[in-house]
Amino acid sequence: MSGVRLLFHELEAWRQDPDYEPDFIASTDSLTLKVEYLLRYICVQLRLPTFKMRENTDVTMEKLLDELLADLKGKLEEDDRFFIKFFLSEKAGYNLRNRVAHGLMDDDEYGVENVFLVLTMILKLASYEFRAV
């Protein structure tokens, strides 16, 4: 089941039974990582590289999330870029992407607010139209 379906499944169960304790772990984990995928997809659409050479080596590696966001400066509205950076990767912010990807969140940190923030990011990114230049 997709992250969006899981989210709405949990919300519906919660709506039907106010005593139900929704589980937003799988939907939060899934959708958080989808934001990075969407940013990479946008970069590809704009013909911006999503990879780089590791310094002083011949090793090619994927760009980090912050590097993708830096490359998208001027392509995304600055408020949207800041919103995504603050909640997904900023150490002074939520740093949600790293906390999810590295298993640093406890069950009680998976509230409805995180998954709604991520869903908002996805909807914001979906509202853009990108064409290769």
Foldseek 3Di string as FASTA:
>chain_A
DALVVLVVVQVVVCVVPVVDDGQNLVSLLRLLVVLLVLLCVLCVQQVHDQWDADPPDRDIDGDDSVVSLVVCVVVAPPVLSCLNCQCCCDPVHVVSVCCSVVVVDDRVVRDPVSSVSSVVSVVSSVVDDGHYD
